[in-house]
Amino acid sequence: MRMVYFAWVRERIGVAEEEVSPPAEVATIADLIDWLAARSPSHAAAFADRDRLRAARDQVFVPLDAPLAGAGEIAIFPPVTGG
């Protein structure tokens, strides 16, 4: 699965994207965030405050409790503001 990171999430992790293969028990985006946070201190720092994270599954905005099944790409980013 392709992970894509934007803004300060990308800066804290240190990469814009990466390929991951989470285990079968990782069923939702929230589970994925927990699994990723355990991978490295930079991932943990990026995902420390879930209230400041948004997600997209295959380029469609979804809540963090959305299922992962069949996803090809997950994007994680801070809230988007307009102006």
PDB file of N, CA and C in Angstrom:
ATOM      1  N   MET A   1       0.843  -1.156   0.000  1.00  0.00           N
ATOM      2  CA  MET A   1       0.000   0.000   0.000  1.00  0.00           C
ATOM      3  C   MET A   1       0.903   1.238   0.000  1.00  0.00           C
ATOM      4  N   ARG A   2       0.505   2.212  -0.749  1.00  0.00           N
ATOM      5  CA  ARG A   2       1.274   3.457  -0.833  1.00  0.00           C
ATOM      6  C   ARG A   2       0.751   4.439   0.219  1.00  0.00           C
ATOM      7  N   MET A   3       1.671   4.950   1.010  1.00  0.00           N
ATOM      8  CA  MET A   3       1.367   5.994   1.988  1.00  0.00           C
ATOM      9  C   MET A   3       1.891   7.311   1.436  1.00  0.00           C
ATOM     10  N   VAL A   4       1.073   8.358   1.525  1.00  0.00           N
ATOM     11  CA  VAL A   4       1.462   9.688   1.076  1.00  0.00           C
ATOM     12  C   VAL A   4       1.247  10.642   2.241  1.00  0.00           C
ATOM     13  N   TYR A   5       2.250  11.474   2.509  1.00  0.00           N
ATOM     14  CA  TYR A   5       2.199  12.398   3.642  1.00  0.00           C
ATOM     15  C   TYR A   5       2.323  13.831   3.146  1.00  0.00           C
ATOM     16  N   PHE A   6       1.595  14.742   3.778  1.00  0.00           N
ATOM     17  CA  PHE A   6       1.597  16.138   3.375  1.00  0.00           C
ATOM     18  C   PHE A   6       1.914  17.066   4.547  1.00  0.00           C
ATOM     19  N   ALA A   7       2.444  18.244   4.213  1.00  0.00           N
ATOM     20  CA  ALA A   7       2.699  19.348   5.144  1.00  0.00           C
ATOM     21  C   ALA A   7       3.581  18.893   6.305  1.00  0.00           C
ATOM     22  N   TRP A   8       3.211  19.263   7.542  1.00  0.00           N
ATOM     23  CA  TRP A   8       4.084  18.938   8.681  1.00  0.00           C
ATOM     24  C   TRP A   8       4.148  17.444   8.975  1.00  0.00           C
ATOM     25  N   VAL A   9       3.168  16.665   8.529  1.00  0.00           N
ATOM     26  CA  VAL A   9       3.251  15.206   8.693  1.00  0.00           C
ATOM     27  C   VAL A   9       4.464  14.699   7.895  1.00  0.00           C
ATOM     28  N   ARG A  10       4.576  15.147   6.652  1.00  0.00           N
ATOM     29  CA  ARG A  10       5.718  14.778   5.799  1.00  0.00           C
ATOM     30  C   ARG A  10       7.029  15.243   6.423  1.00  0.00           C
ATOM     31  N   GLU A  11       7.049  16.470   6.923  1.00  0.00           N
ATOM     32  CA  GLU A  11       8.278  17.014   7.517  1.00  0.00           C
ATOM     33  C   GLU A  11       8.726  16.208   8.731  1.00  0.00           C
ATOM     34  N   ARG A  12       7.790  15.805   9.574  1.00  0.00           N
ATOM     35  CA  ARG A  12       8.154  15.037  10.777  1.00  0.00           C
ATOM     36  C   ARG A  12       8.617  13.622  10.450  1.00  0.00           C
ATOM     37  N   ILE A  13       7.992  13.003   9.461  1.00  0.00           N
ATOM     38  CA  ILE A  13       8.395  11.644   9.087  1.00  0.00           C
ATOM     39  C   ILE A  13       9.692  11.666   8.287  1.00  0.00           C
ATOM     40  N   GLY A  14       9.836  12.672   7.455  1.00  0.00           N
ATOM     41  CA  GLY A  14      11.062  12.815   6.675  1.00  0.00           C
ATOM     42  C   GLY A  14      10.988  12.269   5.260  1.00  0.00           C
ATOM     43  N   VAL A  15       9.819  11.789   4.859  1.00  0.00           N
ATOM     44  CA  VAL A  15       9.599  11.326   3.487  1.00  0.00           C
ATOM     45  C   VAL A  15       8.202  11.750   3.032  1.00  0.00           C
ATOM     46  N   ALA A  16       8.046  11.940   1.729  1.00  0.00           N
ATOM     47  CA  ALA A  16       6.743  12.327   1.179  1.00  0.00           C
ATOM     48  C   ALA A  16       5.831  11.123   0.977  1.00  0.00           C
ATOM     49  N   GLU A  17       6.450   9.969   0.726  1.00  0.00           N
ATOM     50  CA  GLU A  17       5.652   8.754   0.544  1.00  0.00           C
ATOM     51  C   GLU A  17       6.503   7.531   0.821  1.00  0.00           C
ATOM     52  N   GLU A  18       5.815   6.421   1.067  1.00  0.00           N
ATOM     53  CA  GLU A  18       6.493   5.148   1.293  1.00  0.00           C
ATOM     54  C   GLU A  18       5.525   4.018   1.013  1.00  0.00           C
ATOM     55  N   GLU A  19       6.077   2.862   0.694  1.00  0.00           N
ATOM     56  CA  GLU A  19       5.291   1.642   0.511  1.00  0.00           C
ATOM     57  C   GLU A  19       5.307   0.860   1.817  1.00  0.00           C
ATOM     58  N   VAL A  20       4.134   0.418   2.264  1.00  0.00           N
ATOM     59  CA  VAL A  20       4.045  -0.352   3.503  1.00  0.00           C
ATOM     60  C   VAL A  20       3.196  -1.597   3.265  1.00  0.00           C
ATOM     61  N   SER A  21       3.414  -2.590   4.096  1.00  0.00           N
ATOM     62  CA  SER A  21       2.622  -3.825   4.066  1.00  0.00           C
ATOM     63  C   SER A  21       2.185  -4.147   5.487  1.00  0.00           C
ATOM     64  N   PRO A  22       1.104  -3.495   5.939  1.00  0.00           N
ATOM     65  CA  PRO A  22       0.664  -3.746   7.315  1.00  0.00           C
ATOM     66  C   PRO A  22       0.128  -5.163   7.486  1.00  0.00           C
ATOM     67  N   PRO A  23       0.215  -5.693   8.699  1.00  0.00           N
ATOM     68  CA  PRO A  23      -0.316  -7.035   8.967  1.00  0.00           C
ATOM     69  C   PRO A  23      -1.847  -7.060   8.863  1.00  0.00           C
ATOM     70  N   ALA A  24      -2.405  -8.231   8.742  1.00  0.00           N
ATOM     71  CA  ALA A  24      -3.847  -8.411   8.537  1.00  0.00           C
ATOM     72  C   ALA A  24      -4.702  -7.784   9.634  1.00  0.00           C
ATOM     73  N   GLU A  25      -4.185  -7.741  10.855  1.00  0.00           N
ATOM     74  CA  GLU A  25      -5.001  -7.182  11.944  1.00  0.00           C
ATOM     75  C   GLU A  25      -5.148  -5.663  11.865  1.00  0.00           C
ATOM     76  N   VAL A  26      -4.426  -5.010  10.985  1.00  0.00           N
ATOM     77  CA  VAL A  26      -4.568  -3.568  10.765  1.00  0.00           C
ATOM     78  C   VAL A  26      -5.737  -3.389   9.800  1.00  0.00           C
ATOM     79  N   ALA A  27      -6.920  -3.086  10.352  1.00  0.00           N
ATOM     80  CA  ALA A  27      -8.153  -3.093   9.567  1.00  0.00           C
ATOM     81  C   ALA A  27      -8.678  -1.709   9.196  1.00  0.00           C
ATOM     82  N   THR A  28      -8.286  -0.675   9.943  1.00  0.00           N
ATOM     83  CA  THR A  28      -8.786   0.677   9.690  1.00  0.00           C
ATOM     84  C   THR A  28      -7.612   1.646   9.546  1.00  0.00           C
ATOM     85  N   ILE A  29      -7.913   2.848   9.117  1.00  0.00           N
ATOM     86  CA  ILE A  29      -6.865   3.860   9.024  1.00  0.00           C
ATOM     87  C   ILE A  29      -6.320   4.175  10.416  1.00  0.00           C
ATOM     88  N   ALA A  30      -7.164   4.202  11.425  1.00  0.00           N
ATOM     89  CA  ALA A  30      -6.699   4.431  12.796  1.00  0.00           C
ATOM     90  C   ALA A  30      -5.720   3.331  13.217  1.00  0.00           C
ATOM     91  N   ASP A  31      -6.033   2.071  12.886  1.00  0.00           N
ATOM     92  CA  ASP A  31      -5.116   0.965  13.177  1.00  0.00           C
ATOM     93  C   ASP A  31      -3.792   1.168  12.437  1.00  0.00           C
ATOM     94  N   LEU A  32      -3.887   1.610  11.194  1.00  0.00           N
ATOM     95  CA  LEU A  32      -2.694   1.849  10.388  1.00  0.00           C
ATOM     96  C   LEU A  32      -1.816   2.926  11.013  1.00  0.00           C
ATOM     97  N   ILE A  33      -2.440   3.986  11.493  1.00  0.00           N
ATOM     98  CA  ILE A  33      -1.692   5.062  12.150  1.00  0.00           C
ATOM     99  C   ILE A  33      -0.981   4.531  13.387  1.00  0.00           C
ATOM    100  N   ASP A  34      -1.664   3.716  14.181  1.00  0.00           N
ATOM    101  CA  ASP A  34      -1.032   3.105  15.361  1.00  0.00           C
ATOM    102  C   ASP A  34       0.159   2.247  14.950  1.00  0.00           C
ATOM    103  N   TRP A  35      -0.025   1.431  13.923  1.00  0.00           N
ATOM    104  CA  TRP A  35       1.039   0.550  13.442  1.00  0.00           C
ATOM    105  C   TRP A  35       2.226   1.358  12.918  1.00  0.00           C
ATOM    106  N   LEU A  36       1.938   2.405  12.142  1.00  0.00           N
ATOM    107  CA  LEU A  36       3.009   3.255  11.617  1.00  0.00           C
ATOM    108  C   LEU A  36       3.742   3.980  12.738  1.00  0.00           C
ATOM    109  N   ALA A  37       3.009   4.457  13.745  1.00  0.00           N
ATOM    110  CA  ALA A  37       3.616   5.199  14.855  1.00  0.00           C
ATOM    111  C   ALA A  37       4.649   4.359  15.594  1.00  0.00           C
ATOM    112  N   ALA A  38       4.471   3.051  15.577  1.00  0.00           N
ATOM    113  CA  ALA A  38       5.416   2.150  16.254  1.00  0.00           C
ATOM    114  C   ALA A  38       6.662   1.866  15.413  1.00  0.00           C
ATOM    115  N   ARG A  39       6.676   2.297  14.167  1.00  0.00           N
ATOM    116  CA  ARG A  39       7.803   1.998  13.265  1.00  0.00           C
ATOM    117  C   ARG A  39       9.056   2.798  13.558  1.00  0.00           C
ATOM    118  N   SER A  40       8.887   4.058  13.981  1.00  0.00           N
ATOM    119  CA  SER A  40      10.058   4.902  14.223  1.00  0.00           C
ATOM    120  C   SER A  40       9.669   6.096  15.085  1.00  0.00           C
ATOM    121  N   PRO A  41      10.643   6.732  15.719  1.00  0.00           N
ATOM    122  CA  PRO A  41      10.344   7.948  16.493  1.00  0.00           C
ATOM    123  C   PRO A  41       9.762   9.060  15.626  1.00  0.00           C
ATOM    124  N   SER A  42      10.197   9.169  14.370  1.00  0.00           N
ATOM    125  CA  SER A  42       9.652  10.233  13.512  1.00  0.00           C
ATOM    126  C   SER A  42       8.191   9.959  13.153  1.00  0.00           C
ATOM    127  N   HIS A  43       7.830   8.705  12.924  1.00  0.00           N
ATOM    128  CA  HIS A  43       6.423   8.361  12.696  1.00  0.00           C
ATOM    129  C   HIS A  43       5.603   8.653  13.960  1.00  0.00           C
ATOM    130  N   ALA A  44       6.139   8.281  15.102  1.00  0.00           N
ATOM    131  CA  ALA A  44       5.435   8.525  16.369  1.00  0.00           C
ATOM    132  C   ALA A  44       5.184  10.016  16.568  1.00  0.00           C
ATOM    133  N   ALA A  45       6.174  10.852  16.258  1.00  0.00           N
ATOM    134  CA  ALA A  45       6.016  12.299  16.402  1.00  0.00           C
ATOM    135  C   ALA A  45       4.953  12.839  15.445  1.00  0.00           C
ATOM    136  N   ALA A  46       4.942  12.332  14.227  1.00  0.00           N
ATOM    137  CA  ALA A  46       3.979  12.804  13.232  1.00  0.00           C
ATOM    138  C   ALA A  46       2.549  12.440  13.601  1.00  0.00           C
ATOM    139  N   PHE A  47       2.373  11.286  14.239  1.00  0.00           N
ATOM    140  CA  PHE A  47       1.032  10.789  14.533  1.00  0.00           C
ATOM    141  C   PHE A  47       0.627  10.951  15.999  1.00  0.00           C
ATOM    142  N   ALA A  48       1.357  11.754  16.752  1.00  0.00           N
ATOM    143  CA  ALA A  48       1.112  11.896  18.192  1.00  0.00           C
ATOM    144  C   ALA A  48      -0.248  12.513  18.510  1.00  0.00           C
ATOM    145  N   ASP A  49      -0.723  13.414  17.698  1.00  0.00           N
ATOM    146  CA  ASP A  49      -1.987  14.110  17.975  1.00  0.00           C
ATOM    147  C   ASP A  49      -2.995  13.787  16.877  1.00  0.00           C
ATOM    148  N   ARG A  50      -3.751  12.723  17.069  1.00  0.00           N
ATOM    149  CA  ARG A  50      -4.718  12.278  16.063  1.00  0.00           C
ATOM    150  C   ARG A  50      -5.775  13.303  15.729  1.00  0.00           C
ATOM    151  N   ASP A  51      -6.103  14.178  16.680  1.00  0.00           N
ATOM    152  CA  ASP A  51      -7.120  15.193  16.412  1.00  0.00           C
ATOM    153  C   ASP A  51      -6.687  16.158  15.320  1.00  0.00           C
ATOM    154  N   ARG A  52      -5.395  16.177  15.030  1.00  0.00           N
ATOM    155  CA  ARG A  52      -4.864  17.071  13.998  1.00  0.00           C
ATOM    156  C   ARG A  52      -4.586  16.343  12.690  1.00  0.00           C
ATOM    157  N   LEU A  53      -5.104  15.139  12.525  1.00  0.00           N
ATOM    158  CA  LEU A  53      -4.860  14.362  11.305  1.00  0.00           C
ATOM    159  C   LEU A  53      -6.140  14.158  10.510  1.00  0.00           C
ATOM    160  N   ARG A  54      -5.998  14.170   9.208  1.00  0.00           N
ATOM    161  CA  ARG A  54      -7.075  13.833   8.290  1.00  0.00           C
ATOM    162  C   ARG A  54      -6.532  12.766   7.349  1.00  0.00           C
ATOM    163  N   ALA A  55      -7.449  12.055   6.678  1.00  0.00           N
ATOM    164  CA  ALA A  55      -7.017  10.966   5.801  1.00  0.00           C
ATOM    165  C   ALA A  55      -7.835  10.944   4.519  1.00  0.00           C
ATOM    166  N   ALA A  56      -7.206  10.375   3.499  1.00  0.00           N
ATOM    167  CA  ALA A  56      -7.900  10.078   2.247  1.00  0.00           C
ATOM    168  C   ALA A  56      -7.538   8.650   1.852  1.00  0.00           C
ATOM    169  N   ARG A  57      -8.540   7.933   1.405  1.00  0.00           N
ATOM    170  CA  ARG A  57      -8.350   6.558   0.923  1.00  0.00           C
ATOM    171  C   ARG A  57      -8.580   6.582  -0.576  1.00  0.00           C
ATOM    172  N   ASP A  58      -7.548   6.272  -1.334  1.00  0.00           N
ATOM    173  CA  ASP A  58      -7.624   6.332  -2.799  1.00  0.00           C
ATOM    174  C   ASP A  58      -8.213   7.671  -3.267  1.00  0.00           C
ATOM    175  N   GLN A  59      -7.701   8.752  -2.678  1.00  0.00           N
ATOM    176  CA  GLN A  59      -7.998  10.139  -3.031  1.00  0.00           C
ATOM    177  C   GLN A  59      -9.420  10.587  -2.705  1.00  0.00           C
ATOM    178  N   VAL A  60     -10.060   9.919  -1.730  1.00  0.00           N
ATOM    179  CA  VAL A  60     -11.375  10.312  -1.240  1.00  0.00           C
ATOM    180  C   VAL A  60     -11.259  10.524   0.265  1.00  0.00           C
ATOM    181  N   PHE A  61     -11.666  11.707   0.766  1.00  0.00           N
ATOM    182  CA  PHE A  61     -11.610  11.981   2.194  1.00  0.00           C
ATOM    183  C   PHE A  61     -12.450  10.964   2.951  1.00  0.00           C
ATOM    184  N   VAL A  62     -11.881  10.429   4.031  1.00  0.00           N
ATOM    185  CA  VAL A  62     -12.565   9.434   4.861  1.00  0.00           C
ATOM    186  C   VAL A  62     -12.226   9.694   6.329  1.00  0.00           C
ATOM    187  N   PRO A  63     -13.084   9.228   7.255  1.00  0.00           N
ATOM    188  CA  PRO A  63     -12.740   9.330   8.677  1.00  0.00           C
ATOM    189  C   PRO A  63     -11.648   8.321   9.025  1.00  0.00           C
ATOM    190  N   LEU A  64     -11.012   8.534  10.163  1.00  0.00           N
ATOM    191  CA  LEU A  64      -9.923   7.650  10.571  1.00  0.00           C
ATOM    192  C   LEU A  64     -10.395   6.230  10.882  1.00  0.00           C
ATOM    193  N   ASP A  65     -11.687   6.035  11.110  1.00  0.00           N
ATOM    194  CA  ASP A  65     -12.184   4.680  11.368  1.00  0.00           C
ATOM    195  C   ASP A  65     -12.607   3.960  10.078  1.00  0.00           C
ATOM    196  N   ALA A  66     -12.279   4.546   8.929  1.00  0.00           N
ATOM    197  CA  ALA A  66     -12.609   3.916   7.644  1.00  0.00           C
ATOM    198  C   ALA A  66     -11.782   2.648   7.455  1.00  0.00           C
ATOM    199  N   PRO A  67     -12.363   1.626   6.804  1.00  0.00           N
ATOM    200  CA  PRO A  67     -11.634   0.374   6.574  1.00  0.00           C
ATOM    201  C   PRO A  67     -10.526   0.540   5.538  1.00  0.00           C
ATOM    202  N   LEU A  68      -9.503  -0.292   5.676  1.00  0.00           N
ATOM    203  CA  LEU A  68      -8.381  -0.299   4.742  1.00  0.00           C
ATOM    204  C   LEU A  68      -8.576  -1.262   3.583  1.00  0.00           C
ATOM    205  N   ALA A  69      -9.414  -2.253   3.740  1.00  0.00           N
ATOM    206  CA  ALA A  69      -9.547  -3.328   2.757  1.00  0.00           C
ATOM    207  C   ALA A  69      -9.626  -2.794   1.338  1.00  0.00           C
ATOM    208  N   GLY A  70      -8.702  -3.261   0.505  1.00  0.00           N
ATOM    209  CA  GLY A  70      -8.697  -2.895  -0.903  1.00  0.00           C
ATOM    210  C   GLY A  70      -8.055  -1.563  -1.242  1.00  0.00           C
ATOM    211  N   ALA A  71      -7.581  -0.825  -0.252  1.00  0.00           N
ATOM    212  CA  ALA A  71      -6.990   0.494  -0.517  1.00  0.00           C
ATOM    213  C   ALA A  71      -5.647   0.346  -1.209  1.00  0.00           C
ATOM    214  N   GLY A  72      -5.422   1.168  -2.207  1.00  0.00           N
ATOM    215  CA  GLY A  72      -4.127   1.207  -2.871  1.00  0.00           C
ATOM    216  C   GLY A  72      -3.257   2.333  -2.353  1.00  0.00           C
ATOM    217  N   GLU A  73      -3.923   3.404  -1.864  1.00  0.00           N
ATOM    218  CA  GLU A  73      -3.191   4.569  -1.370  1.00  0.00           C
ATOM    219  C   GLU A  73      -3.931   5.179  -0.188  1.00  0.00           C
ATOM    220  N   ILE A  74      -3.164   5.520   0.830  1.00  0.00           N
ATOM    221  CA  ILE A  74      -3.686   6.258   1.977  1.00  0.00           C
ATOM    222  C   ILE A  74      -2.855   7.519   2.112  1.00  0.00           C
ATOM    223  N   ALA A  75      -3.528   8.658   2.183  1.00  0.00           N
ATOM    224  CA  ALA A  75      -2.851   9.932   2.397  1.00  0.00           C
ATOM    225  C   ALA A  75      -3.183  10.426   3.794  1.00  0.00           C
ATOM    226  N   ILE A  76      -2.181  10.945   4.487  1.00  0.00           N
ATOM    227  CA  ILE A  76      -2.357  11.509   5.825  1.00  0.00           C
ATOM    228  C   ILE A  76      -1.877  12.960   5.767  1.00  0.00           C
ATOM    229  N   PHE A  77      -2.696  13.861   6.318  1.00  0.00           N
ATOM    230  CA  PHE A  77      -2.379  15.280   6.241  1.00  0.00           C
ATOM    231  C   PHE A  77      -3.066  16.036   7.364  1.00  0.00           C
ATOM    232  N   PRO A  78      -2.620  17.263   7.642  1.00  0.00           N
ATOM    233  CA  PRO A  78      -3.303  18.084   8.630  1.00  0.00           C
ATOM    234  C   PRO A  78      -4.602  18.638   8.045  1.00  0.00           C
ATOM    235  N   PRO A  79      -5.460  19.192   8.892  1.00  0.00           N
ATOM    236  CA  PRO A  79      -6.699  19.783   8.373  1.00  0.00           C
ATOM    237  C   PRO A  79      -6.386  20.839   7.307  1.00  0.00           C
ATOM    238  N   VAL A  80      -7.234  20.884   6.309  1.00  0.00           N
ATOM    239  CA  VAL A  80      -7.061  21.825   5.197  1.00  0.00           C
ATOM    240  C   VAL A  80      -7.938  23.039   5.442  1.00  0.00           C
ATOM    241  N   THR A  81      -7.364  24.209   5.258  1.00  0.00           N
ATOM    242  CA  THR A  81      -8.161  25.431   5.377  1.00  0.00           C
ATOM    243  C   THR A  81      -8.160  26.164   4.044  1.00  0.00           C
ATOM    244  N   GLY A  82      -9.172  26.897   3.821  1.00  0.00           N
ATOM    245  CA  GLY A  82      -9.273  27.657   2.573  1.00  0.00           C
ATOM    246  C   GLY A  82      -9.211  29.140   2.837  1.00  0.00           C
ATOM    247  N   GLY A  83      -9.223  29.893   1.790  1.00  0.00           N
ATOM    248  CA  GLY A  83      -9.183  31.329   2.001  1.00  0.00           C
ATOM    249  C   GLY A  83      -9.144  32.077   0.725  1.00  0.00           C
TER     250      GLY A  83
END
